[in-house]
Amino acid sequence: MRRHRWATAAGLAALVCLCAAVAYVGTRPEGASEPATGVPAGAGRPTGFPPIEAHRTDTGPASPGLRPRQRPPSVSPTPSPTGTTPAPPLLTVTQGEIPAHVDLTGAGPRDWVHWGLRGADSTVRKRNGSGEIVDEGGPGARGGWDGNQELFGWRDGAAVPAVDGTSTGVYTCGAGNGFALAVAGDGELRTVRLYAGLWMARGRLDARLSVGGPTTTLRMEDPHTSRSAEFTLRFRVPKGARLLVTWTAEAVFSQDCGNVGLQAVALR
């Protein structure tokens, strides 16, 4: 009787195990296999770790002081300059001899002016020139004369189209009198050639930039007769600024109209 009960109990236990196995197989996905590591299926991740992110893309090393997976702030790129720094203002002045014949068309491809062709009030300019040369007058009455040692000619004048060679110019007598000129700039290096002279006087050339800076001064003197010179001025100023030039009789050595004179100016 006791043996029969044990067999019955064993049979019941086997039946229960069989039912449990059938139920387990029925809950697994089709084609699933047992884990190869021996870890029971469905075992959870140990507690205390952050959950795994299914779509994590930041695979680089974490920055110090940041929480895991926290990106450092992006740094905006430094914008590159859109233009170049303007060149600084510049002024140099030199003095030399005037050529025996001056071709104003070649010397002044941007602009040129000649004074005195037909008297004290006569002015000839480059046709279709830039207009950057401005005669700003000056103290003293002007007179015209035709005794220059050098000749001036051109092929693109207005209102006189062409002249082969003229010795004319203008002058003003007495100490303190003279001429004032201005030449506009545009940020590029420009060259001005000023053709001037004197008779029994000491002339002083002053050149400066309207944007400031020191004045450059050159002097020329002849107490006995006439003398002339080509003054070469190289300058650079921003657009809207100007080169300012005066040619003045600083002293005269004759009461009979010691003077300074002006023949032409050319710009390239």
Protein backbone atom coordinates (compact mmCIF):
# COMPACT_ATOMS: atom_id res chain seq x y z
CA MET A 1 0.00 0.00 0.00
CA ARG A 2 2.82 2.40 0.87
CA ARG A 3 4.68 1.52 -2.31
CA HIS A 4 1.56 2.15 -4.37
CA ARG A 5 1.17 5.63 -2.87
CA TRP A 6 4.82 6.50 -3.65
CA ALA A 7 4.37 5.45 -7.26
CA THR A 8 1.23 7.48 -7.52
CA ALA A 9 2.98 10.56 -6.08
CA ALA A 10 5.93 10.10 -8.44
CA GLY A 11 3.59 9.86 -11.38
CA LEU A 12 1.83 13.04 -10.39
CA ALA A 13 5.17 14.87 -10.07
CA ALA A 14 6.26 13.71 -13.52
CA LEU A 15 2.97 14.83 -14.98
CA VAL A 16 3.37 18.30 -13.40
CA CYS A 17 6.93 18.64 -14.79
CA LEU A 18 5.77 17.60 -18.25
CA CYS A 19 2.98 20.19 -18.22
CA ALA A 20 5.40 22.93 -17.12
CA ALA A 21 7.82 22.04 -19.92
CA VAL A 22 5.08 22.15 -22.51
CA ALA A 23 3.94 25.56 -21.22
CA TYR A 24 7.52 26.99 -21.38
CA VAL A 25 8.07 25.79 -24.92
CA GLY A 26 4.83 27.39 -25.95
CA THR A 27 5.89 30.86 -24.69
CA ARG A 28 9.30 31.04 -26.51
CA PRO A 29 9.58 32.78 -29.93
CA GLU A 30 9.82 30.44 -32.84
CA GLY A 31 13.47 29.68 -33.70
CA ALA A 32 14.84 31.02 -30.36
CA SER A 33 17.79 29.16 -28.84
CA GLU A 34 19.18 28.87 -25.38
CA PRO A 35 21.88 31.44 -24.38
CA ALA A 36 25.39 30.10 -25.02
CA THR A 37 26.81 31.58 -21.83
CA GLY A 38 24.68 29.60 -19.49
CA VAL A 39 22.86 32.68 -18.21
CA PRO A 40 19.19 31.86 -17.85
CA ALA A 41 16.98 33.48 -20.44
CA GLY A 42 15.23 36.59 -19.17
CA ALA A 43 17.87 37.32 -16.50
CA GLY A 44 17.90 41.11 -15.83
CA ARG A 45 20.84 43.59 -15.91
CA PRO A 46 22.41 44.03 -12.46
CA THR A 47 20.94 46.97 -10.57
CA GLY A 48 22.93 50.21 -10.08
CA PHE A 49 23.84 50.76 -13.79
CA PRO A 50 22.14 53.20 -16.11
CA PRO A 51 19.90 51.60 -18.72
CA ILE A 52 21.38 50.80 -22.11
CA GLU A 53 20.26 53.24 -24.84
CA ALA A 54 19.15 51.44 -27.93
CA HIS A 55 20.17 54.25 -30.34
CA ARG A 56 23.26 55.84 -28.78
CA THR A 57 25.44 57.63 -31.34
CA ASP A 58 28.02 59.57 -29.25
CA THR A 59 30.79 57.00 -29.23
CA GLY A 60 33.62 59.47 -28.39
CA PRO A 61 35.18 59.81 -24.95
CA ALA A 62 33.27 61.80 -22.38
CA SER A 63 34.60 65.25 -21.48
CA PRO A 64 35.85 65.73 -17.91
CA GLY A 65 33.25 67.13 -15.53
CA LEU A 66 30.29 66.10 -17.70
CA ARG A 67 27.68 63.48 -16.98
CA PRO A 68 27.80 60.35 -19.18
CA ARG A 69 26.66 61.02 -22.76
CA GLN A 70 26.41 64.81 -22.15
CA ARG A 71 27.90 66.65 -25.14
CA PRO A 72 30.20 69.66 -24.63
CA PRO A 73 28.78 72.94 -25.95
CA SER A 74 29.63 73.59 -29.60
CA VAL A 75 32.01 76.48 -30.31
CA SER A 76 31.02 78.88 -33.08
CA PRO A 77 33.79 79.27 -35.67
CA THR A 78 35.59 82.60 -35.69
CA PRO A 79 34.37 84.54 -38.74
CA SER A 80 37.06 85.24 -41.28
CA PRO A 81 37.64 88.88 -42.24
CA THR A 82 35.64 89.97 -45.26
CA GLY A 83 38.07 92.64 -46.43
CA THR A 84 41.66 93.79 -46.18
CA THR A 85 43.00 96.47 -43.88
CA PRO A 86 43.34 99.79 -45.72
CA ALA A 87 46.92 100.89 -46.38
CA PRO A 88 48.09 103.75 -44.13
CA PRO A 89 48.39 107.31 -45.45
CA LEU A 90 51.69 108.11 -47.15
CA LEU A 91 53.49 111.21 -48.41
CA THR A 92 56.96 111.65 -49.93
CA VAL A 93 58.30 114.74 -51.73
CA THR A 94 61.42 115.03 -53.88
CA GLN A 95 62.87 117.74 -56.11
CA GLY A 96 64.55 117.42 -59.50
CA GLU A 97 65.25 119.15 -62.80
CA ILE A 98 62.45 119.75 -65.30
CA PRO A 99 63.04 118.01 -68.66
CA ALA A 100 63.62 120.35 -71.60
CA HIS A 101 60.28 119.23 -73.05
CA VAL A 102 57.42 117.97 -70.88
CA ASP A 103 54.68 115.82 -72.43
CA LEU A 104 51.69 116.40 -70.14
CA THR A 105 49.66 113.70 -71.90
CA GLY A 106 52.23 111.09 -70.89
CA ALA A 107 53.00 112.57 -67.46
CA GLY A 108 49.34 112.86 -66.43
CA PRO A 109 47.27 109.86 -67.58
CA ARG A 110 44.68 110.57 -64.84
CA ASP A 111 44.65 114.38 -64.94
CA TRP A 112 46.76 117.42 -65.74
CA VAL A 113 46.48 121.22 -65.76
CA HIS A 114 48.52 123.91 -67.55
CA TRP A 115 48.41 127.63 -66.69
CA GLY A 116 49.11 130.79 -68.73
CA LEU A 117 48.80 129.63 -72.35
CA ARG A 118 46.75 132.71 -73.27
CA GLY A 119 47.34 135.00 -70.30
CA ALA A 120 47.02 135.03 -66.53
CA ASP A 121 43.47 133.64 -66.52
CA SER A 122 44.06 130.92 -69.10
CA THR A 123 43.84 127.30 -67.97
CA VAL A 124 43.97 124.15 -70.10
CA ARG A 125 42.97 120.81 -68.57
CA LYS A 126 43.16 117.19 -69.67
CA ARG A 127 40.13 116.29 -71.77
CA ASN A 128 37.97 113.77 -69.88
CA GLY A 129 40.44 113.81 -67.00
CA SER A 130 39.56 112.72 -63.48
CA GLY A 131 39.20 116.31 -62.24
CA GLU A 132 41.15 115.39 -59.11
CA ILE A 133 43.47 118.40 -59.44
CA VAL A 134 41.92 121.55 -57.96
CA ASP A 135 43.34 125.09 -58.20
CA GLU A 136 42.45 126.67 -54.85
CA GLY A 137 43.89 130.08 -55.70
CA GLY A 138 46.35 131.66 -53.29
CA PRO A 139 47.36 135.14 -52.13
CA GLY A 140 48.59 137.70 -54.68
CA ALA A 141 47.49 138.79 -58.13
CA ARG A 142 48.51 136.49 -60.98
CA GLY A 143 50.26 137.55 -64.14
CA GLY A 144 51.04 135.59 -67.31
CA TRP A 145 54.43 135.27 -68.97
CA ASP A 146 56.19 133.28 -71.69
CA GLY A 147 59.80 133.15 -70.57
CA ASN A 148 60.14 129.61 -69.14
CA GLN A 149 63.25 127.71 -70.15
CA GLU A 150 61.24 124.48 -70.53
CA LEU A 151 58.51 123.73 -73.07
CA PHE A 152 55.18 122.00 -72.33
CA GLY A 153 53.02 120.16 -74.80
CA TRP A 154 49.96 117.89 -74.91
CA ARG A 155 47.62 116.01 -77.27
CA ASP A 156 44.46 115.64 -75.16
CA GLY A 157 43.65 119.12 -73.89
CA ALA A 158 40.43 121.05 -73.38
CA ALA A 159 39.71 123.67 -74.55
CA VAL A 160 42.97 123.65 -76.55
CA PRO A 161 43.29 120.11 -77.97
CA ALA A 162 47.01 120.04 -78.78
CA VAL A 163 50.16 122.11 -78.33
CA ASP A 164 53.63 121.09 -79.48
CA GLY A 165 55.53 123.22 -76.98
CA THR A 166 54.84 126.39 -75.00
CA SER A 167 57.04 128.31 -72.57
CA THR A 168 54.11 130.05 -70.87
CA GLY A 169 53.11 130.07 -67.21
CA VAL A 170 51.77 132.29 -64.43
CA TYR A 171 53.47 134.13 -61.54
CA THR A 172 52.69 136.27 -58.48
CA CYS A 173 54.99 138.93 -57.00
CA GLY A 174 55.97 139.67 -53.40
CA ALA A 175 56.84 137.79 -50.22
CA GLY A 176 53.97 135.75 -48.78
CA ASN A 177 52.16 135.39 -52.10
CA GLY A 178 51.83 132.16 -54.06
CA PHE A 179 49.60 129.27 -55.16
CA ALA A 180 47.46 126.64 -53.43
CA LEU A 181 46.53 123.29 -54.97
CA ALA A 182 44.64 120.20 -53.82
CA VAL A 183 44.62 116.68 -55.27
CA ALA A 184 41.95 114.17 -54.31
CA GLY A 185 42.88 110.62 -53.28
CA ASP A 186 41.09 107.28 -53.45
CA GLY A 187 43.14 104.92 -51.29
CA GLU A 188 45.66 104.09 -54.03
CA LEU A 189 49.23 105.35 -54.34
CA ARG A 190 49.31 108.41 -56.61
CA THR A 191 52.14 110.45 -58.13
CA VAL A 192 51.91 114.22 -58.68
CA ARG A 193 54.47 116.15 -60.69
CA LEU A 194 54.43 119.89 -60.03
CA TYR A 195 56.36 122.16 -62.46
CA ALA A 196 57.17 125.44 -60.71
CA GLY A 197 59.77 128.22 -60.70
CA LEU A 198 60.88 131.55 -59.23
CA TRP A 199 62.69 134.75 -60.09
CA MET A 200 64.96 136.49 -57.57
CA ALA A 201 63.17 134.86 -54.64
CA ARG A 202 63.20 131.99 -52.19
CA GLY A 203 60.27 129.67 -52.78
CA ARG A 204 58.86 127.29 -50.18
CA LEU A 205 56.85 124.20 -51.05
CA ASP A 206 54.62 122.86 -48.26
CA ALA A 207 52.80 119.53 -48.70
CA ARG A 208 50.52 117.79 -46.24
CA LEU A 209 47.61 115.36 -46.13
CA SER A 210 44.11 116.43 -45.13
CA VAL A 211 43.87 113.41 -42.80
CA GLY A 212 46.65 114.83 -40.62
CA GLY A 213 50.32 114.16 -40.12
CA PRO A 214 53.44 116.32 -40.51
CA THR A 215 53.96 118.90 -43.25
CA THR A 216 56.80 118.24 -45.68
CA THR A 217 58.68 121.40 -46.70
CA LEU A 218 61.19 121.96 -49.48
CA ARG A 219 62.88 125.25 -50.38
CA MET A 220 64.45 126.58 -53.57
CA GLU A 221 66.30 129.90 -53.91
CA ASP A 222 67.97 132.07 -56.47
CA PRO A 223 68.67 135.71 -55.50
CA HIS A 224 69.99 136.72 -58.93
CA THR A 225 67.90 135.15 -61.71
CA SER A 226 65.24 132.55 -62.48
CA ARG A 227 65.15 128.89 -61.49
CA SER A 228 62.69 126.03 -61.95
CA ALA A 229 62.12 122.52 -60.58
CA GLU A 230 59.99 119.42 -60.94
CA PHE A 231 58.58 118.48 -57.54
CA THR A 232 57.47 114.84 -57.35
CA LEU A 233 54.90 114.08 -54.65
CA ARG A 234 53.83 110.49 -53.99
CA PHE A 235 50.87 110.16 -51.69
CA ARG A 236 48.11 107.84 -50.52
CA VAL A 237 44.97 108.89 -48.65
CA PRO A 238 41.50 107.33 -48.25
CA LYS A 239 38.77 108.23 -50.67
CA GLY A 240 37.44 111.69 -49.80
CA ALA A 241 40.78 112.92 -48.39
CA ARG A 242 43.23 115.18 -50.26
CA LEU A 243 46.84 116.15 -50.77
CA LEU A 244 47.28 119.87 -50.02
CA VAL A 245 50.14 121.81 -51.61
CA THR A 246 51.25 125.46 -51.43
CA TRP A 247 54.04 127.14 -53.39
CA THR A 248 54.87 130.47 -51.75
CA ALA A 249 57.48 133.24 -52.02
CA GLU A 250 59.07 133.01 -48.58
CA ALA A 251 61.41 135.91 -49.39
CA VAL A 252 62.13 138.14 -52.41
CA PHE A 253 65.45 139.71 -53.37
CA SER A 254 64.15 142.38 -55.72
CA GLN A 255 61.58 145.09 -55.20
CA ASP A 256 60.87 144.79 -58.90
CA CYS A 257 58.56 141.76 -58.58
CA GLY A 258 60.60 139.00 -57.04
CA ASN A 259 58.15 136.12 -57.54
CA VAL A 260 57.22 132.46 -57.65
CA GLY A 261 55.67 130.93 -60.80
CA LEU A 262 53.61 127.90 -61.80
CA GLN A 263 53.53 126.16 -65.17
CA ALA A 264 51.72 122.81 -64.85
CA VAL A 265 50.84 119.86 -62.66
CA ALA A 266 50.26 116.25 -63.74
CA LEU A 267 48.71 113.25 -61.93
CA ARG A 268 49.16 109.55 -62.48
